[in-house]
Amino acid sequence: MGMMTLIPSCGFSCTYHQHQIISSHPLMAQFSMEKVGSGSRANTGPLNGETEKFSGVLRRRSVLLSGFSLLSSAVVGFPSESLAVVKQGLLAGRVPGLSEPNEEGWRTYRRPDEKSGGHGVGWSPIIPYAFSVPQDWDEVPVSIADLGGTEIDLRFASPKEGRLFVIVAPVLRFADNLGEDAKIEQIGPPEKVINAFGPEVIGENVEGKVLSMNVAEYSGRKYYQFELEPPHVLITATAAGNRLYLFSVTGSGLQWKRHYNDLKKIADSFRVV
């Protein structure tokens, strides 16, 4: 008779534990009551016996819940703990960084500090950059199969006007003596930079395609600005920290003809902040 008593108890505990792992607490409470109900129907003893049996069920349920809480905390974590980890860590992928439109309908994008992307073990966080776009431009997903591969940090596009992307590459790919606060002029003059890095933007040699080169300076940082054709593309290059930044703005022939002024304004707005 003692064996008959232990077998249902074990079955209940094992079944309960399995349901606790895959079910929410409200469903488990219902499951517990059903077990108590079935036990009551099987037992025709006095009410005190039912109360004792129900108390035993609750005690077993409490023990199992406590044990499962420890297991969950150690292995998978509760939702509140998971959220805390996400909040404290770096956020991967697309993170909003656009301002509200100004009086001209343009918005400023600033790379969020929380956005992940180290481009190699041991690299410091990417120094944020910013640029301005008309209101109908939005971020689009980046694919590692894109030209530029994993070094493309961001893409934006407008169905009407064109598209842009930002390449952030470690300067150690190009020189090993630039230190931790590289300047674009340390990498070389504009001619050397566009010949070396232009192919990363357009996917082919840039010889004979460079229409213009310009050097601008903002807040003590130099920016090399290029216009290439064909394809129609504007490139802004600079360096900061231990990285090279290539900002590319392009469009189809029709987009170039109709929206060149906006595309040029976007290209000229790029800053490392």
C-alpha atoms as a PDB file:
ATOM      1  CA  MET A   1       0.000   0.000   0.000  1.00  0.00           C
ATOM      2  CA  GLY A   2       2.960   2.303   0.775  1.00  0.00           C
ATOM      3  CA  MET A   3       4.295   1.593  -2.734  1.00  0.00           C
ATOM      4  CA  MET A   4       0.907   2.517  -4.250  1.00  0.00           C
ATOM      5  CA  THR A   5       1.054   5.834  -2.435  1.00  0.00           C
ATOM      6  CA  LEU A   6       4.589   6.690  -3.644  1.00  0.00           C
ATOM      7  CA  ILE A   7       4.009   5.940  -7.319  1.00  0.00           C
ATOM      8  CA  PRO A   8       1.203   8.505  -7.872  1.00  0.00           C
ATOM      9  CA  SER A   9       3.173  11.073  -5.869  1.00  0.00           C
ATOM     10  CA  CYS A  10       6.262  10.570  -8.033  1.00  0.00           C
ATOM     11  CA  GLY A  11       4.185  10.658 -11.198  1.00  0.00           C
ATOM     12  CA  PHE A  12       2.600  13.921 -10.116  1.00  0.00           C
ATOM     13  CA  SER A  13       5.971  15.486  -9.241  1.00  0.00           C
ATOM     14  CA  CYS A  14       7.607  14.488 -12.515  1.00  0.00           C
ATOM     15  CA  THR A  15       4.625  15.540 -14.607  1.00  0.00           C
ATOM     16  CA  TYR A  16       4.349  18.785 -12.705  1.00  0.00           C
ATOM     17  CA  HIS A  17       8.038  19.552 -13.212  1.00  0.00           C
ATOM     18  CA  GLN A  18       7.778  18.942 -16.960  1.00  0.00           C
ATOM     19  CA  HIS A  19       4.717  21.185 -17.241  1.00  0.00           C
ATOM     20  CA  GLN A  20       6.381  23.860 -15.114  1.00  0.00           C
ATOM     21  CA  ILE A  21       9.262  24.112 -17.623  1.00  0.00           C
ATOM     22  CA  ILE A  22       7.027  24.509 -20.675  1.00  0.00           C
ATOM     23  CA  SER A  23       3.990  26.261 -19.202  1.00  0.00           C
ATOM     24  CA  SER A  24       3.200  29.599 -17.642  1.00  0.00           C
ATOM     25  CA  HIS A  25       2.260  29.828 -13.976  1.00  0.00           C
ATOM     26  CA  PRO A  26      -1.526  30.347 -14.530  1.00  0.00           C
ATOM     27  CA  LEU A  27      -1.717  27.140 -16.556  1.00  0.00           C
ATOM     28  CA  MET A  28       0.298  25.340 -13.925  1.00  0.00           C
ATOM     29  CA  ALA A  29      -2.064  26.501 -11.216  1.00  0.00           C
ATOM     30  CA  GLN A  30      -4.948  25.050 -13.211  1.00  0.00           C
ATOM     31  CA  PHE A  31      -2.997  21.815 -13.633  1.00  0.00           C
ATOM     32  CA  SER A  32      -2.417  21.618  -9.867  1.00  0.00           C
ATOM     33  CA  MET A  33      -6.098  22.124  -9.117  1.00  0.00           C
ATOM     34  CA  GLU A  34      -7.024  19.425 -11.607  1.00  0.00           C
ATOM     35  CA  LYS A  35      -4.664  17.053  -9.835  1.00  0.00           C
ATOM     36  CA  VAL A  36      -6.179  17.928  -6.493  1.00  0.00           C
ATOM     37  CA  GLY A  37      -9.654  17.474  -7.958  1.00  0.00           C
ATOM     38  CA  SER A  38      -8.839  14.042  -9.341  1.00  0.00           C
ATOM     39  CA  GLY A  39      -7.335  13.061  -6.001  1.00  0.00           C
ATOM     40  CA  SER A  40     -10.490  14.202  -4.214  1.00  0.00           C
ATOM     41  CA  ARG A  41     -12.696  12.144  -6.450  1.00  0.00           C
ATOM     42  CA  ALA A  42     -10.555   9.067  -5.811  1.00  0.00           C
ATOM     43  CA  ASN A  43     -10.569   9.548  -2.029  1.00  0.00           C
ATOM     44  CA  THR A  44     -13.904   9.155  -0.213  1.00  0.00           C
ATOM     45  CA  GLY A  45     -12.466   9.994   3.194  1.00  0.00           C
ATOM     46  CA  PRO A  46     -13.505  12.895   5.446  1.00  0.00           C
ATOM     47  CA  LEU A  47     -12.917  16.587   4.637  1.00  0.00           C
ATOM     48  CA  ASN A  48      -9.839  16.716   6.870  1.00  0.00           C
ATOM     49  CA  GLY A  49      -8.199  14.138   4.668  1.00  0.00           C
ATOM     50  CA  GLU A  50      -8.905  16.273   1.602  1.00  0.00           C
ATOM     51  CA  THR A  51      -7.405  19.313   3.320  1.00  0.00           C
ATOM     52  CA  GLU A  52      -4.256  17.425   4.251  1.00  0.00           C
ATOM     53  CA  LYS A  53      -3.897  16.104   0.690  1.00  0.00           C
ATOM     54  CA  PHE A  54      -4.394  19.584  -0.764  1.00  0.00           C
ATOM     55  CA  SER A  55      -1.806  21.005   1.645  1.00  0.00           C
ATOM     56  CA  GLY A  56       0.632  18.318   0.586  1.00  0.00           C
ATOM     57  CA  VAL A  57       0.105  19.223  -3.063  1.00  0.00           C
ATOM     58  CA  LEU A  58       0.783  22.889  -2.314  1.00  0.00           C
ATOM     59  CA  ARG A  59       3.927  22.015  -0.378  1.00  0.00           C
ATOM     60  CA  ARG A  60       5.221  19.899  -3.239  1.00  0.00           C
ATOM     61  CA  ARG A  61       4.299  22.696  -5.673  1.00  0.00           C
ATOM     62  CA  SER A  62       6.166  25.252  -3.555  1.00  0.00           C
ATOM     63  CA  VAL A  63       9.290  23.102  -3.402  1.00  0.00           C
ATOM     64  CA  LEU A  64       9.217  22.456  -7.135  1.00  0.00           C
ATOM     65  CA  LEU A  65       8.695  26.135  -7.908  1.00  0.00           C
ATOM     66  CA  SER A  66      11.640  27.072  -5.687  1.00  0.00           C
ATOM     67  CA  GLY A  67      13.854  24.491  -7.340  1.00  0.00           C
ATOM     68  CA  PHE A  68      12.808  25.561 -10.810  1.00  0.00           C
ATOM     69  CA  SER A  69      13.441  29.217  -9.905  1.00  0.00           C
ATOM     70  CA  LEU A  70      17.028  28.405  -8.997  1.00  0.00           C
ATOM     71  CA  LEU A  71      17.474  26.343 -12.162  1.00  0.00           C
ATOM     72  CA  SER A  72      15.981  29.087 -14.333  1.00  0.00           C
ATOM     73  CA  SER A  73      18.166  31.769 -12.796  1.00  0.00           C
ATOM     74  CA  ALA A  74      21.306  29.692 -13.273  1.00  0.00           C
ATOM     75  CA  VAL A  75      20.614  28.432 -16.784  1.00  0.00           C
ATOM     76  CA  VAL A  76      18.214  30.595 -18.773  1.00  0.00           C
ATOM     77  CA  GLY A  77      17.491  33.632 -16.601  1.00  0.00           C
ATOM     78  CA  PHE A  78      14.187  35.343 -16.003  1.00  0.00           C
ATOM     79  CA  PRO A  79      12.870  37.971 -18.460  1.00  0.00           C
ATOM     80  CA  SER A  80      13.770  40.832 -16.123  1.00  0.00           C
ATOM     81  CA  GLU A  81      17.349  39.575 -15.878  1.00  0.00           C
ATOM     82  CA  SER A  82      17.565  39.121 -19.668  1.00  0.00           C
ATOM     83  CA  LEU A  83      16.357  42.668 -20.218  1.00  0.00           C
ATOM     84  CA  ALA A  84      18.963  43.924 -17.796  1.00  0.00           C
ATOM     85  CA  VAL A  85      21.715  42.155 -19.733  1.00  0.00           C
ATOM     86  CA  VAL A  86      20.488  43.596 -23.036  1.00  0.00           C
ATOM     87  CA  LYS A  87      20.236  47.072 -21.550  1.00  0.00           C
ATOM     88  CA  GLN A  88      23.778  46.937 -20.226  1.00  0.00           C
ATOM     89  CA  GLY A  89      25.322  45.383 -23.315  1.00  0.00           C
ATOM     90  CA  LEU A  90      25.807  46.676 -26.843  1.00  0.00           C
ATOM     91  CA  LEU A  91      22.779  46.773 -29.077  1.00  0.00           C
ATOM     92  CA  ALA A  92      23.264  44.953 -32.357  1.00  0.00           C
ATOM     93  CA  GLY A  93      21.941  45.828 -35.771  1.00  0.00           C
ATOM     94  CA  ARG A  94      19.687  48.743 -36.581  1.00  0.00           C
ATOM     95  CA  VAL A  95      19.245  51.360 -33.876  1.00  0.00           C
ATOM     96  CA  PRO A  96      17.251  54.559 -34.485  1.00  0.00           C
ATOM     97  CA  GLY A  97      19.445  57.650 -34.706  1.00  0.00           C
ATOM     98  CA  LEU A  98      17.412  60.119 -36.764  1.00  0.00           C
ATOM     99  CA  SER A  99      16.350  63.519 -35.516  1.00  0.00           C
ATOM    100  CA  GLU A 100      13.009  65.156 -36.227  1.00  0.00           C
ATOM    101  CA  PRO A 101      12.838  67.081 -39.544  1.00  0.00           C
ATOM    102  CA  ASN A 102      14.007  70.686 -39.459  1.00  0.00           C
ATOM    103  CA  GLU A 103      12.178  73.558 -41.146  1.00  0.00           C
ATOM    104  CA  GLU A 104      13.568  72.431 -44.529  1.00  0.00           C
ATOM    105  CA  GLY A 105      12.389  68.837 -44.020  1.00  0.00           C
ATOM    106  CA  TRP A 106      15.916  67.445 -43.467  1.00  0.00           C
ATOM    107  CA  ARG A 107      16.820  65.069 -40.656  1.00  0.00           C
ATOM    108  CA  THR A 108      20.202  64.447 -39.042  1.00  0.00           C
ATOM    109  CA  TYR A 109      21.399  60.908 -38.383  1.00  0.00           C
ATOM    110  CA  ARG A 110      23.919  60.391 -35.588  1.00  0.00           C
ATOM    111  CA  ARG A 111      25.323  56.925 -35.014  1.00  0.00           C
ATOM    112  CA  PRO A 112      24.015  55.874 -31.576  1.00  0.00           C
ATOM    113  CA  ASP A 113      26.644  55.269 -28.912  1.00  0.00           C
ATOM    114  CA  GLU A 114      24.905  51.974 -28.024  1.00  0.00           C
ATOM    115  CA  LYS A 115      25.090  50.536 -31.542  1.00  0.00           C
ATOM    116  CA  SER A 116      27.423  47.544 -31.754  1.00  0.00           C
ATOM    117  CA  GLY A 117      30.104  47.041 -34.355  1.00  0.00           C
ATOM    118  CA  GLY A 118      33.753  46.711 -33.448  1.00  0.00           C
ATOM    119  CA  HIS A 119      35.088  45.334 -36.749  1.00  0.00           C
ATOM    120  CA  GLY A 120      37.649  43.121 -35.071  1.00  0.00           C
ATOM    121  CA  VAL A 121      38.615  41.894 -31.629  1.00  0.00           C
ATOM    122  CA  GLY A 122      40.457  44.471 -29.582  1.00  0.00           C
ATOM    123  CA  TRP A 123      39.211  47.518 -31.460  1.00  0.00           C
ATOM    124  CA  SER A 124      37.870  50.458 -29.491  1.00  0.00           C
ATOM    125  CA  PRO A 125      34.213  51.511 -29.941  1.00  0.00           C
ATOM    126  CA  ILE A 126      33.501  53.293 -33.220  1.00  0.00           C
ATOM    127  CA  ILE A 127      33.617  57.083 -32.857  1.00  0.00           C
ATOM    128  CA  PRO A 128      30.119  58.276 -33.836  1.00  0.00           C
ATOM    129  CA  TYR A 129      29.514  60.031 -37.140  1.00  0.00           C
ATOM    130  CA  ALA A 130      26.633  62.164 -38.407  1.00  0.00           C
ATOM    131  CA  PHE A 131      25.099  63.350 -41.677  1.00  0.00           C
ATOM    132  CA  SER A 132      21.879  64.952 -42.920  1.00  0.00           C
ATOM    133  CA  VAL A 133      19.299  63.586 -45.357  1.00  0.00           C
ATOM    134  CA  PRO A 134      15.916  64.708 -46.720  1.00  0.00           C
ATOM    135  CA  GLN A 135      12.878  63.426 -44.877  1.00  0.00           C
ATOM    136  CA  ASP A 136      12.117  60.452 -47.172  1.00  0.00           C
ATOM    137  CA  TRP A 137      15.515  58.801 -46.606  1.00  0.00           C
ATOM    138  CA  ASP A 138      15.575  55.848 -44.197  1.00  0.00           C
ATOM    139  CA  GLU A 139      17.963  53.205 -42.934  1.00  0.00           C
ATOM    140  CA  VAL A 140      17.979  49.895 -44.813  1.00  0.00           C
ATOM    141  CA  PRO A 141      19.440  46.528 -43.699  1.00  0.00           C
ATOM    142  CA  VAL A 142      23.116  45.820 -44.337  1.00  0.00           C
ATOM    143  CA  SER A 143      24.087  42.483 -45.868  1.00  0.00           C
ATOM    144  CA  ILE A 144      27.567  41.008 -45.465  1.00  0.00           C
ATOM    145  CA  ALA A 145      27.265  39.985 -49.131  1.00  0.00           C
ATOM    146  CA  ASP A 146      27.223  43.675 -50.137  1.00  0.00           C
ATOM    147  CA  LEU A 147      30.195  45.322 -51.774  1.00  0.00           C
ATOM    148  CA  GLY A 148      32.396  46.287 -48.826  1.00  0.00           C
ATOM    149  CA  GLY A 149      31.381  43.215 -46.829  1.00  0.00           C
ATOM    150  CA  THR A 150      31.340  43.378 -43.051  1.00  0.00           C
ATOM    151  CA  GLU A 151      32.993  46.816 -43.033  1.00  0.00           C
ATOM    152  CA  ILE A 152      29.790  48.487 -44.218  1.00  0.00           C
ATOM    153  CA  ASP A 153      28.456  49.982 -41.022  1.00  0.00           C
ATOM    154  CA  LEU A 154      25.263  51.616 -42.324  1.00  0.00           C
ATOM    155  CA  ARG A 155      23.027  51.983 -45.364  1.00  0.00           C
ATOM    156  CA  PHE A 156      20.364  54.581 -46.145  1.00  0.00           C
ATOM    157  CA  ALA A 157      18.185  54.973 -49.226  1.00  0.00           C
ATOM    158  CA  SER A 158      15.410  56.979 -50.835  1.00  0.00           C
ATOM    159  CA  PRO A 159      13.300  55.452 -53.631  1.00  0.00           C
ATOM    160  CA  LYS A 160      13.200  58.882 -55.267  1.00  0.00           C
ATOM    161  CA  GLU A 161      16.719  60.276 -54.824  1.00  0.00           C
ATOM    162  CA  GLY A 162      19.362  57.572 -54.335  1.00  0.00           C
ATOM    163  CA  ARG A 163      21.290  55.683 -51.684  1.00  0.00           C
ATOM    164  CA  LEU A 164      24.306  55.940 -49.396  1.00  0.00           C
ATOM    165  CA  PHE A 165      26.511  53.763 -47.234  1.00  0.00           C
ATOM    166  CA  VAL A 166      29.281  54.148 -44.660  1.00  0.00           C
ATOM    167  CA  ILE A 167      32.388  51.956 -44.617  1.00  0.00           C
ATOM    168  CA  VAL A 168      34.359  51.898 -41.352  1.00  0.00           C
ATOM    169  CA  ALA A 169      37.671  50.081 -41.762  1.00  0.00           C
ATOM    170  CA  PRO A 170      40.639  49.632 -39.363  1.00  0.00           C
ATOM    171  CA  VAL A 171      43.571  51.804 -40.444  1.00  0.00           C
ATOM    172  CA  LEU A 172      45.958  48.931 -39.684  1.00  0.00           C
ATOM    173  CA  ARG A 173      44.845  47.484 -42.987  1.00  0.00           C
ATOM    174  CA  PHE A 174      46.695  50.334 -44.680  1.00  0.00           C
ATOM    175  CA  ALA A 175      49.504  51.366 -42.298  1.00  0.00           C
ATOM    176  CA  ASP A 176      50.842  50.167 -38.950  1.00  0.00           C
ATOM    177  CA  ASN A 177      52.305  53.447 -37.637  1.00  0.00           C
ATOM    178  CA  LEU A 178      49.260  55.705 -37.400  1.00  0.00           C
ATOM    179  CA  GLY A 179      48.639  55.294 -33.674  1.00  0.00           C
ATOM    180  CA  GLU A 180      45.267  55.445 -31.950  1.00  0.00           C
ATOM    181  CA  ASP A 181      44.175  58.838 -33.333  1.00  0.00           C
ATOM    182  CA  ALA A 182      44.797  58.645 -37.057  1.00  0.00           C
ATOM    183  CA  LYS A 183      44.433  61.603 -39.429  1.00  0.00           C
ATOM    184  CA  ILE A 184      43.455  61.224 -43.062  1.00  0.00           C
ATOM    185  CA  GLU A 185      46.546  63.206 -44.125  1.00  0.00           C
ATOM    186  CA  GLN A 186      48.746  60.585 -42.403  1.00  0.00           C
ATOM    187  CA  ILE A 187      47.317  57.937 -44.719  1.00  0.00           C
ATOM    188  CA  GLY A 188      48.228  60.064 -47.720  1.00  0.00           C
ATOM    189  CA  PRO A 189      47.178  62.902 -50.057  1.00  0.00           C
ATOM    190  CA  PRO A 190      43.764  62.806 -51.789  1.00  0.00           C
ATOM    191  CA  GLU A 191      45.156  61.117 -54.936  1.00  0.00           C
ATOM    192  CA  LYS A 192      46.610  58.221 -52.941  1.00  0.00           C
ATOM    193  CA  VAL A 193      43.467  57.786 -50.822  1.00  0.00           C
ATOM    194  CA  ILE A 194      41.034  57.672 -53.753  1.00  0.00           C
ATOM    195  CA  ASN A 195      43.262  55.308 -55.759  1.00  0.00           C
ATOM    196  CA  ALA A 196      43.605  52.990 -52.764  1.00  0.00           C
ATOM    197  CA  PHE A 197      40.058  53.072 -51.409  1.00  0.00           C
ATOM    198  CA  GLY A 198      37.876  54.124 -54.336  1.00  0.00           C
ATOM    199  CA  PRO A 199      37.725  50.528 -55.628  1.00  0.00           C
ATOM    200  CA  GLU A 200      36.219  49.486 -52.260  1.00  0.00           C
ATOM    201  CA  VAL A 201      33.358  51.870 -52.957  1.00  0.00           C
ATOM    202  CA  ILE A 202      32.651  51.337 -56.662  1.00  0.00           C
ATOM    203  CA  GLY A 203      34.068  47.820 -57.084  1.00  0.00           C
ATOM    204  CA  GLU A 204      36.516  48.716 -59.845  1.00  0.00           C
ATOM    205  CA  ASN A 205      39.604  50.793 -60.582  1.00  0.00           C
ATOM    206  CA  VAL A 206      38.987  54.541 -60.313  1.00  0.00           C
ATOM    207  CA  GLU A 207      41.540  55.557 -62.948  1.00  0.00           C
ATOM    208  CA  GLY A 208      39.989  58.102 -65.319  1.00  0.00           C
ATOM    209  CA  LYS A 209      36.784  58.314 -63.251  1.00  0.00           C
ATOM    210  CA  VAL A 210      37.680  61.063 -60.754  1.00  0.00           C
ATOM    211  CA  LEU A 211      36.014  64.304 -61.867  1.00  0.00           C
ATOM    212  CA  SER A 212      36.991  66.410 -58.855  1.00  0.00           C
ATOM    213  CA  MET A 213      38.915  66.333 -55.551  1.00  0.00           C
ATOM    214  CA  ASN A 214      38.587  68.737 -52.636  1.00  0.00           C
ATOM    215  CA  VAL A 215      39.936  69.047 -49.082  1.00  0.00           C
ATOM    216  CA  ALA A 216      37.668  70.497 -46.383  1.00  0.00           C
ATOM    217  CA  GLU A 217      38.346  70.979 -42.685  1.00  0.00           C
ATOM    218  CA  TYR A 218      35.812  71.034 -39.845  1.00  0.00           C
ATOM    219  CA  SER A 219      36.696  71.244 -36.141  1.00  0.00           C
ATOM    220  CA  GLY A 220      40.332  70.487 -36.916  1.00  0.00           C
ATOM    221  CA  ARG A 221      39.590  67.307 -38.901  1.00  0.00           C
ATOM    222  CA  LYS A 222      40.295  67.080 -42.635  1.00  0.00           C
ATOM    223  CA  TYR A 223      37.859  65.487 -45.074  1.00  0.00           C
ATOM    224  CA  TYR A 224      38.728  64.446 -48.625  1.00  0.00           C
ATOM    225  CA  GLN A 225      35.799  64.909 -50.999  1.00  0.00           C
ATOM    226  CA  PHE A 226      35.612  63.244 -54.411  1.00  0.00           C
ATOM    227  CA  GLU A 227      33.185  63.060 -57.319  1.00  0.00           C
ATOM    228  CA  LEU A 228      33.430  60.088 -59.652  1.00  0.00           C
ATOM    229  CA  GLU A 229      31.719  59.238 -62.921  1.00  0.00           C
ATOM    230  CA  PRO A 230      30.818  56.628 -64.036  1.00  0.00           C
ATOM    231  CA  PRO A 231      29.246  55.421 -61.868  1.00  0.00           C
ATOM    232  CA  HIS A 232      27.758  58.595 -60.407  1.00  0.00           C
ATOM    233  CA  VAL A 233      29.132  58.695 -56.865  1.00  0.00           C
ATOM    234  CA  LEU A 234      30.267  61.212 -54.241  1.00  0.00           C
ATOM    235  CA  ILE A 235      32.818  59.990 -51.679  1.00  0.00           C
ATOM    236  CA  THR A 236      33.879  61.657 -48.441  1.00  0.00           C
ATOM    237  CA  ALA A 237      36.886  60.164 -46.653  1.00  0.00           C
ATOM    238  CA  THR A 238      38.342  60.916 -43.224  1.00  0.00           C
ATOM    239  CA  ALA A 239      40.019  59.137 -40.317  1.00  0.00           C
ATOM    240  CA  ALA A 240      39.374  59.122 -36.561  1.00  0.00           C
ATOM    241  CA  GLY A 241      40.624  56.938 -33.730  1.00  0.00           C
ATOM    242  CA  ASN A 242      42.050  53.828 -35.360  1.00  0.00           C
ATOM    243  CA  ARG A 243      39.610  53.762 -38.283  1.00  0.00           C
ATOM    244  CA  LEU A 244      39.121  55.087 -41.796  1.00  0.00           C
ATOM    245  CA  TYR A 245      35.631  56.354 -42.714  1.00  0.00           C
ATOM    246  CA  LEU A 246      34.338  56.267 -46.309  1.00  0.00           C
ATOM    247  CA  PHE A 247      30.967  57.931 -46.897  1.00  0.00           C
ATOM    248  CA  SER A 248      29.476  57.192 -50.321  1.00  0.00           C
ATOM    249  CA  VAL A 249      26.402  58.809 -51.910  1.00  0.00           C
ATOM    250  CA  THR A 250      25.147  57.586 -55.275  1.00  0.00           C
ATOM    251  CA  GLY A 251      22.136  57.366 -57.569  1.00  0.00           C
ATOM    252  CA  SER A 252      20.967  56.269 -60.979  1.00  0.00           C
ATOM    253  CA  GLY A 253      21.482  58.492 -64.010  1.00  0.00           C
ATOM    254  CA  LEU A 254      17.991  59.972 -63.679  1.00  0.00           C
ATOM    255  CA  GLN A 255      18.324  60.447 -59.915  1.00  0.00           C
ATOM    256  CA  TRP A 256      21.688  62.116 -60.435  1.00  0.00           C
ATOM    257  CA  LYS A 257      20.233  64.525 -62.967  1.00  0.00           C
ATOM    258  CA  ARG A 258      17.169  65.440 -60.908  1.00  0.00           C
ATOM    259  CA  HIS A 259      18.563  65.416 -57.365  1.00  0.00           C
ATOM    260  CA  TYR A 260      22.270  66.188 -57.700  1.00  0.00           C
ATOM    261  CA  ASN A 261      22.068  69.215 -55.383  1.00  0.00           C
ATOM    262  CA  ASP A 262      20.512  67.153 -52.588  1.00  0.00           C
ATOM    263  CA  LEU A 263      23.014  64.316 -53.081  1.00  0.00           C
ATOM    264  CA  LYS A 264      25.916  66.778 -52.941  1.00  0.00           C
ATOM    265  CA  LYS A 265      24.476  68.377 -49.804  1.00  0.00           C
ATOM    266  CA  ILE A 266      24.237  64.924 -48.153  1.00  0.00           C
ATOM    267  CA  ALA A 267      27.843  64.098 -49.064  1.00  0.00           C
ATOM    268  CA  ASP A 268      29.132  67.436 -47.752  1.00  0.00           C
ATOM    269  CA  SER A 269      27.256  67.001 -44.445  1.00  0.00           C
ATOM    270  CA  PHE A 270      29.267  63.986 -43.254  1.00  0.00           C
ATOM    271  CA  ARG A 271      31.125  64.556 -39.966  1.00  0.00           C
ATOM    272  CA  VAL A 272      32.874  62.363 -37.395  1.00  0.00           C
ATOM    273  CA  VAL A 273      31.658  63.697 -34.079  1.00  0.00           C
END
